[in-house]
Amino acid sequence: METAEPPAAAGVRMDWWAVPSTVRSRVEASLGSPWPDAVTQVGGFSPGVAARVRLADGGGSS
């Protein structure tokens, strides 16, 4: 049986804007407001996305 190696914990995160637009659209829909800006947070131990968004209605999510 072949096993896949987990990604290295290099502290390099995927950029928010590299996430497929269909996923970003679903996140926007679940937050209930479009966002004019999102900032990818750097560092950490996961190659996953970590981003802060400022919503068009003034709210935010981090």
PDB file of N, CA and C in Angstrom:
ATOM      1  N   MET A   1       0.834  -1.167   0.000  1.00  0.00           N
ATOM      2  CA  MET A   1       0.000   0.000   0.000  1.00  0.00           C
ATOM      3  C   MET A   1       0.891   1.245   0.000  1.00  0.00           C
ATOM      4  N   GLU A   2       0.588   2.163  -0.882  1.00  0.00           N
ATOM      5  CA  GLU A   2       1.345   3.405  -0.982  1.00  0.00           C
ATOM      6  C   GLU A   2       0.708   4.456  -0.091  1.00  0.00           C
ATOM      7  N   THR A   3       1.523   5.174   0.662  1.00  0.00           N
ATOM      8  CA  THR A   3       0.996   6.247   1.516  1.00  0.00           C
ATOM      9  C   THR A   3       1.576   7.572   1.067  1.00  0.00           C
ATOM     10  N   ALA A   4       0.770   8.601   1.178  1.00  0.00           N
ATOM     11  CA  ALA A   4       1.216   9.938   0.799  1.00  0.00           C
ATOM     12  C   ALA A   4       1.914  10.583   1.981  1.00  0.00           C
ATOM     13  N   GLU A   5       2.951  11.313   1.696  1.00  0.00           N
ATOM     14  CA  GLU A   5       3.657  12.053   2.733  1.00  0.00           C
ATOM     15  C   GLU A   5       2.867  13.320   3.068  1.00  0.00           C
ATOM     16  N   PRO A   6       2.725  13.635   4.347  1.00  0.00           N
ATOM     17  CA  PRO A   6       2.046  14.883   4.695  1.00  0.00           C
ATOM     18  C   PRO A   6       2.905  16.070   4.272  1.00  0.00           C
ATOM     19  N   PRO A   7       2.279  17.209   4.023  1.00  0.00           N
ATOM     20  CA  PRO A   7       3.073  18.384   3.634  1.00  0.00           C
ATOM     21  C   PRO A   7       3.980  18.815   4.785  1.00  0.00           C
ATOM     22  N   ALA A   8       5.104  19.335   4.437  1.00  0.00           N
ATOM     23  CA  ALA A   8       6.043  19.805   5.458  1.00  0.00           C
ATOM     24  C   ALA A   8       5.456  21.001   6.195  1.00  0.00           C
ATOM     25  N   ALA A   9       5.709  21.056   7.489  1.00  0.00           N
ATOM     26  CA  ALA A   9       5.244  22.182   8.296  1.00  0.00           C
ATOM     27  C   ALA A   9       6.279  23.286   8.197  1.00  0.00           C
ATOM     28  N   ALA A  10       6.254  23.966   7.074  1.00  0.00           N
ATOM     29  CA  ALA A  10       7.285  24.955   6.790  1.00  0.00           C
ATOM     30  C   ALA A  10       6.872  26.376   7.154  1.00  0.00           C
ATOM     31  N   GLY A  11       5.643  26.559   7.627  1.00  0.00           N
ATOM     32  CA  GLY A  11       5.204  27.897   7.986  1.00  0.00           C
ATOM     33  C   GLY A  11       4.870  28.762   6.787  1.00  0.00           C
ATOM     34  N   VAL A  12       4.607  28.148   5.645  1.00  0.00           N
ATOM     35  CA  VAL A  12       4.237  28.901   4.445  1.00  0.00           C
ATOM     36  C   VAL A  12       2.784  28.597   4.151  1.00  0.00           C
ATOM     37  N   ARG A  13       1.964  29.605   4.231  1.00  0.00           N
ATOM     38  CA  ARG A  13       0.529  29.406   4.027  1.00  0.00           C
ATOM     39  C   ARG A  13       0.127  29.692   2.583  1.00  0.00           C
ATOM     40  N   MET A  14      -0.937  29.028   2.165  1.00  0.00           N
ATOM     41  CA  MET A  14      -1.528  29.297   0.857  1.00  0.00           C
ATOM     42  C   MET A  14      -2.184  30.676   0.913  1.00  0.00           C
ATOM     43  N   ASP A  15      -1.982  31.467  -0.116  1.00  0.00           N
ATOM     44  CA  ASP A  15      -2.575  32.798  -0.188  1.00  0.00           C
ATOM     45  C   ASP A  15      -4.084  32.705  -0.384  1.00  0.00           C
ATOM     46  N   TRP A  16      -4.836  33.581   0.281  1.00  0.00           N
ATOM     47  CA  TRP A  16      -6.302  33.583   0.177  1.00  0.00           C
ATOM     48  C   TRP A  16      -6.764  33.674  -1.263  1.00  0.00           C
ATOM     49  N   TRP A  17      -6.101  34.463  -2.068  1.00  0.00           N
ATOM     50  CA  TRP A  17      -6.534  34.672  -3.453  1.00  0.00           C
ATOM     51  C   TRP A  17      -6.189  33.484  -4.347  1.00  0.00           C
ATOM     52  N   ALA A  18      -5.424  32.517  -3.825  1.00  0.00           N
ATOM     53  CA  ALA A  18      -5.140  31.284  -4.563  1.00  0.00           C
ATOM     54  C   ALA A  18      -6.224  30.227  -4.330  1.00  0.00           C
ATOM     55  N   VAL A  19      -7.099  30.473  -3.363  1.00  0.00           N
ATOM     56  CA  VAL A  19      -8.216  29.570  -3.092  1.00  0.00           C
ATOM     57  C   VAL A  19      -9.182  29.653  -4.281  1.00  0.00           C
ATOM     58  N   PRO A  20      -9.714  28.536  -4.746  1.00  0.00           N
ATOM     59  CA  PRO A  20     -10.642  28.584  -5.892  1.00  0.00           C
ATOM     60  C   PRO A  20     -11.812  29.542  -5.632  1.00  0.00           C
ATOM     61  N   SER A  21     -12.222  30.249  -6.660  1.00  0.00           N
ATOM     62  CA  SER A  21     -13.286  31.259  -6.526  1.00  0.00           C
ATOM     63  C   SER A  21     -14.593  30.653  -6.028  1.00  0.00           C
ATOM     64  N   THR A  22     -14.853  29.394  -6.345  1.00  0.00           N
ATOM     65  CA  THR A  22     -16.078  28.763  -5.852  1.00  0.00           C
ATOM     66  C   THR A  22     -16.055  28.638  -4.328  1.00  0.00           C
ATOM     67  N   VAL A  23     -14.896  28.348  -3.771  1.00  0.00           N
ATOM     68  CA  VAL A  23     -14.760  28.251  -2.309  1.00  0.00           C
ATOM     69  C   VAL A  23     -14.891  29.637  -1.687  1.00  0.00           C
ATOM     70  N   ARG A  24     -14.210  30.628  -2.257  1.00  0.00           N
ATOM     71  CA  ARG A  24     -14.315  32.007  -1.731  1.00  0.00           C
ATOM     72  C   ARG A  24     -15.760  32.487  -1.774  1.00  0.00           C
ATOM     73  N   SER A  25     -16.488  32.154  -2.825  1.00  0.00           N
ATOM     74  CA  SER A  25     -17.898  32.556  -2.942  1.00  0.00           C
ATOM     75  C   SER A  25     -18.755  31.917  -1.854  1.00  0.00           C
ATOM     76  N   ARG A  26     -18.483  30.670  -1.527  1.00  0.00           N
ATOM     77  CA  ARG A  26     -19.256  29.997  -0.466  1.00  0.00           C
ATOM     78  C   ARG A  26     -18.958  30.597   0.899  1.00  0.00           C
ATOM     79  N   VAL A  27     -17.704  30.971   1.118  1.00  0.00           N
ATOM     80  CA  VAL A  27     -17.350  31.628   2.384  1.00  0.00           C
ATOM     81  C   VAL A  27     -18.065  32.976   2.471  1.00  0.00           C
ATOM     82  N   GLU A  28     -18.057  33.735   1.393  1.00  0.00           N
ATOM     83  CA  GLU A  28     -18.754  35.024   1.345  1.00  0.00           C
ATOM     84  C   GLU A  28     -20.235  34.840   1.653  1.00  0.00           C
ATOM     85  N   ALA A  29     -20.851  33.835   1.055  1.00  0.00           N
ATOM     86  CA  ALA A  29     -22.272  33.575   1.285  1.00  0.00           C
ATOM     87  C   ALA A  29     -22.539  33.215   2.744  1.00  0.00           C
ATOM     88  N   SER A  30     -21.650  32.441   3.346  1.00  0.00           N
ATOM     89  CA  SER A  30     -21.863  32.044   4.744  1.00  0.00           C
ATOM     90  C   SER A  30     -21.654  33.209   5.701  1.00  0.00           C
ATOM     91  N   LEU A  31     -20.820  34.188   5.328  1.00  0.00           N
ATOM     92  CA  LEU A  31     -20.606  35.371   6.170  1.00  0.00           C
ATOM     93  C   LEU A  31     -21.709  36.401   5.976  1.00  0.00           C
ATOM     94  N   GLY A  32     -22.447  36.301   4.876  1.00  0.00           N
ATOM     95  CA  GLY A  32     -23.584  37.178   4.642  1.00  0.00           C
ATOM     96  C   GLY A  32     -23.257  38.557   4.108  1.00  0.00           C
ATOM     97  N   SER A  33     -22.030  38.768   3.674  1.00  0.00           N
ATOM     98  CA  SER A  33     -21.647  40.067   3.131  1.00  0.00           C
ATOM     99  C   SER A  33     -20.425  39.879   2.250  1.00  0.00           C
ATOM    100  N   PRO A  34     -20.344  40.620   1.142  1.00  0.00           N
ATOM    101  CA  PRO A  34     -19.119  40.555   0.345  1.00  0.00           C
ATOM    102  C   PRO A  34     -17.980  41.262   1.085  1.00  0.00           C
ATOM    103  N   TRP A  35     -16.759  40.986   0.689  1.00  0.00           N
ATOM    104  CA  TRP A  35     -15.628  41.682   1.289  1.00  0.00           C
ATOM    105  C   TRP A  35     -14.801  42.342   0.216  1.00  0.00           C
ATOM    106  N   PRO A  36     -14.367  43.558   0.495  1.00  0.00           N
ATOM    107  CA  PRO A  36     -13.514  44.249  -0.461  1.00  0.00           C
ATOM    108  C   PRO A  36     -12.039  43.871  -0.319  1.00  0.00           C
ATOM    109  N   ASP A  37     -11.688  43.235   0.816  1.00  0.00           N
ATOM    110  CA  ASP A  37     -10.282  42.943   1.040  1.00  0.00           C
ATOM    111  C   ASP A  37     -10.117  41.728   1.948  1.00  0.00           C
ATOM    112  N   ALA A  38      -9.068  40.977   1.719  1.00  0.00           N
ATOM    113  CA  ALA A  38      -8.686  39.866   2.590  1.00  0.00           C
ATOM    114  C   ALA A  38      -7.169  39.846   2.649  1.00  0.00           C
ATOM    115  N   VAL A  39      -6.635  39.598   3.833  1.00  0.00           N
ATOM    116  CA  VAL A  39      -5.189  39.575   4.020  1.00  0.00           C
ATOM    117  C   VAL A  39      -4.790  38.199   4.551  1.00  0.00           C
ATOM    118  N   THR A  40      -3.924  37.534   3.821  1.00  0.00           N
ATOM    119  CA  THR A  40      -3.428  36.231   4.243  1.00  0.00           C
ATOM    120  C   THR A  40      -2.502  36.424   5.430  1.00  0.00           C
ATOM    121  N   GLN A  41      -2.697  35.616   6.467  1.00  0.00           N
ATOM    122  CA  GLN A  41      -1.846  35.664   7.643  1.00  0.00           C
ATOM    123  C   GLN A  41      -0.662  34.724   7.429  1.00  0.00           C
ATOM    124  N   VAL A  42       0.520  35.194   7.720  1.00  0.00           N
ATOM    125  CA  VAL A  42       1.735  34.402   7.475  1.00  0.00           C
ATOM    126  C   VAL A  42       2.109  33.590   8.706  1.00  0.00           C
ATOM    127  N   GLY A  43       2.977  32.625   8.506  1.00  0.00           N
ATOM    128  CA  GLY A  43       3.507  31.825   9.598  1.00  0.00           C
ATOM    129  C   GLY A  43       2.584  30.705  10.011  1.00  0.00           C
ATOM    130  N   GLY A  44       2.978  30.002  11.027  1.00  0.00           N
ATOM    131  CA  GLY A  44       2.194  28.883  11.512  1.00  0.00           C
ATOM    132  C   GLY A  44       2.799  27.568  11.078  1.00  0.00           C
ATOM    133  N   PHE A  45       2.097  26.484  11.385  1.00  0.00           N
ATOM    134  CA  PHE A  45       2.624  25.161  11.099  1.00  0.00           C
ATOM    135  C   PHE A  45       1.831  24.435  10.028  1.00  0.00           C
ATOM    136  N   SER A  46       0.896  25.103   9.403  1.00  0.00           N
ATOM    137  CA  SER A  46       0.035  24.469   8.419  1.00  0.00           C
ATOM    138  C   SER A  46       0.179  25.159   7.072  1.00  0.00           C
ATOM    139  N   PRO A  47       0.129  24.396   5.991  1.00  0.00           N
ATOM    140  CA  PRO A  47       0.124  25.029   4.673  1.00  0.00           C
ATOM    141  C   PRO A  47      -1.273  25.527   4.291  1.00  0.00           C
ATOM    142  N   GLY A  48      -2.252  25.352   5.180  1.00  0.00           N
ATOM    143  CA  GLY A  48      -3.617  25.782   4.906  1.00  0.00           C
ATOM    144  C   GLY A  48      -3.757  27.300   4.921  1.00  0.00           C
ATOM    145  N   VAL A  49      -4.929  27.765   4.527  1.00  0.00           N
ATOM    146  CA  VAL A  49      -5.208  29.195   4.461  1.00  0.00           C
ATOM    147  C   VAL A  49      -5.576  29.726   5.843  1.00  0.00           C
ATOM    148  N   ALA A  50      -5.048  30.885   6.167  1.00  0.00           N
ATOM    149  CA  ALA A  50      -5.473  31.650   7.341  1.00  0.00           C
ATOM    150  C   ALA A  50      -5.545  33.089   6.858  1.00  0.00           C
ATOM    151  N   ALA A  51      -6.744  33.667   6.866  1.00  0.00           N
ATOM    152  CA  ALA A  51      -6.900  35.017   6.327  1.00  0.00           C
ATOM    153  C   ALA A  51      -7.852  35.820   7.193  1.00  0.00           C
ATOM    154  N   ARG A  52      -7.647  37.122   7.214  1.00  0.00           N
ATOM    155  CA  ARG A  52      -8.561  38.054   7.851  1.00  0.00           C
ATOM    156  C   ARG A  52      -9.291  38.793   6.741  1.00  0.00           C
ATOM    157  N   VAL A  53     -10.594  38.875   6.887  1.00  0.00           N
ATOM    158  CA  VAL A  53     -11.381  39.599   5.885  1.00  0.00           C
ATOM    159  C   VAL A  53     -12.120  40.743   6.557  1.00  0.00           C
ATOM    160  N   ARG A  54     -12.225  41.841   5.838  1.00  0.00           N
ATOM    161  CA  ARG A  54     -13.035  42.976   6.273  1.00  0.00           C
ATOM    162  C   ARG A  54     -14.243  42.981   5.372  1.00  0.00           C
ATOM    163  N   LEU A  55     -15.421  42.857   5.974  1.00  0.00           N
ATOM    164  CA  LEU A  55     -16.648  42.759   5.194  1.00  0.00           C
ATOM    165  C   LEU A  55     -17.125  44.129   4.731  1.00  0.00           C
ATOM    166  N   ALA A  56     -17.865  44.154   3.637  1.00  0.00           N
ATOM    167  CA  ALA A  56     -18.374  45.407   3.081  1.00  0.00           C
ATOM    168  C   ALA A  56     -19.338  46.093   4.040  1.00  0.00           C
ATOM    169  N   ASP A  57     -20.008  45.310   4.909  1.00  0.00           N
ATOM    170  CA  ASP A  57     -20.942  45.915   5.861  1.00  0.00           C
ATOM    171  C   ASP A  57     -20.246  46.384   7.141  1.00  0.00           C
ATOM    172  N   GLY A  58     -18.898  46.337   7.153  1.00  0.00           N
ATOM    173  CA  GLY A  58     -18.144  46.829   8.297  1.00  0.00           C
ATOM    174  C   GLY A  58     -17.741  45.762   9.282  1.00  0.00           C
ATOM    175  N   GLY A  59     -18.313  44.570   9.166  1.00  0.00           N
ATOM    176  CA  GLY A  59     -17.950  43.476  10.059  1.00  0.00           C
ATOM    177  C   GLY A  59     -16.638  42.877   9.654  1.00  0.00           C
ATOM    178  N   GLY A  60     -16.236  41.872  10.380  1.00  0.00           N
ATOM    179  CA  GLY A  60     -14.983  41.212  10.045  1.00  0.00           C
ATOM    180  C   GLY A  60     -14.985  39.794  10.546  1.00  0.00           C
ATOM    181  N   SER A  61     -14.029  39.044  10.090  1.00  0.00           N
ATOM    182  CA  SER A  61     -13.859  37.679  10.516  1.00  0.00           C
ATOM    183  C   SER A  61     -12.380  37.392  10.516  1.00  0.00           C
ATOM    184  N   SER A  62     -11.916  36.696  11.529  1.00  0.00           N
ATOM    185  CA  SER A  62     -10.480  36.355  11.558  1.00  0.00           C
ATOM    186  C   SER A  62     -10.307  34.957  12.089  1.00  0.00           C
TER     187      SER A  62
END
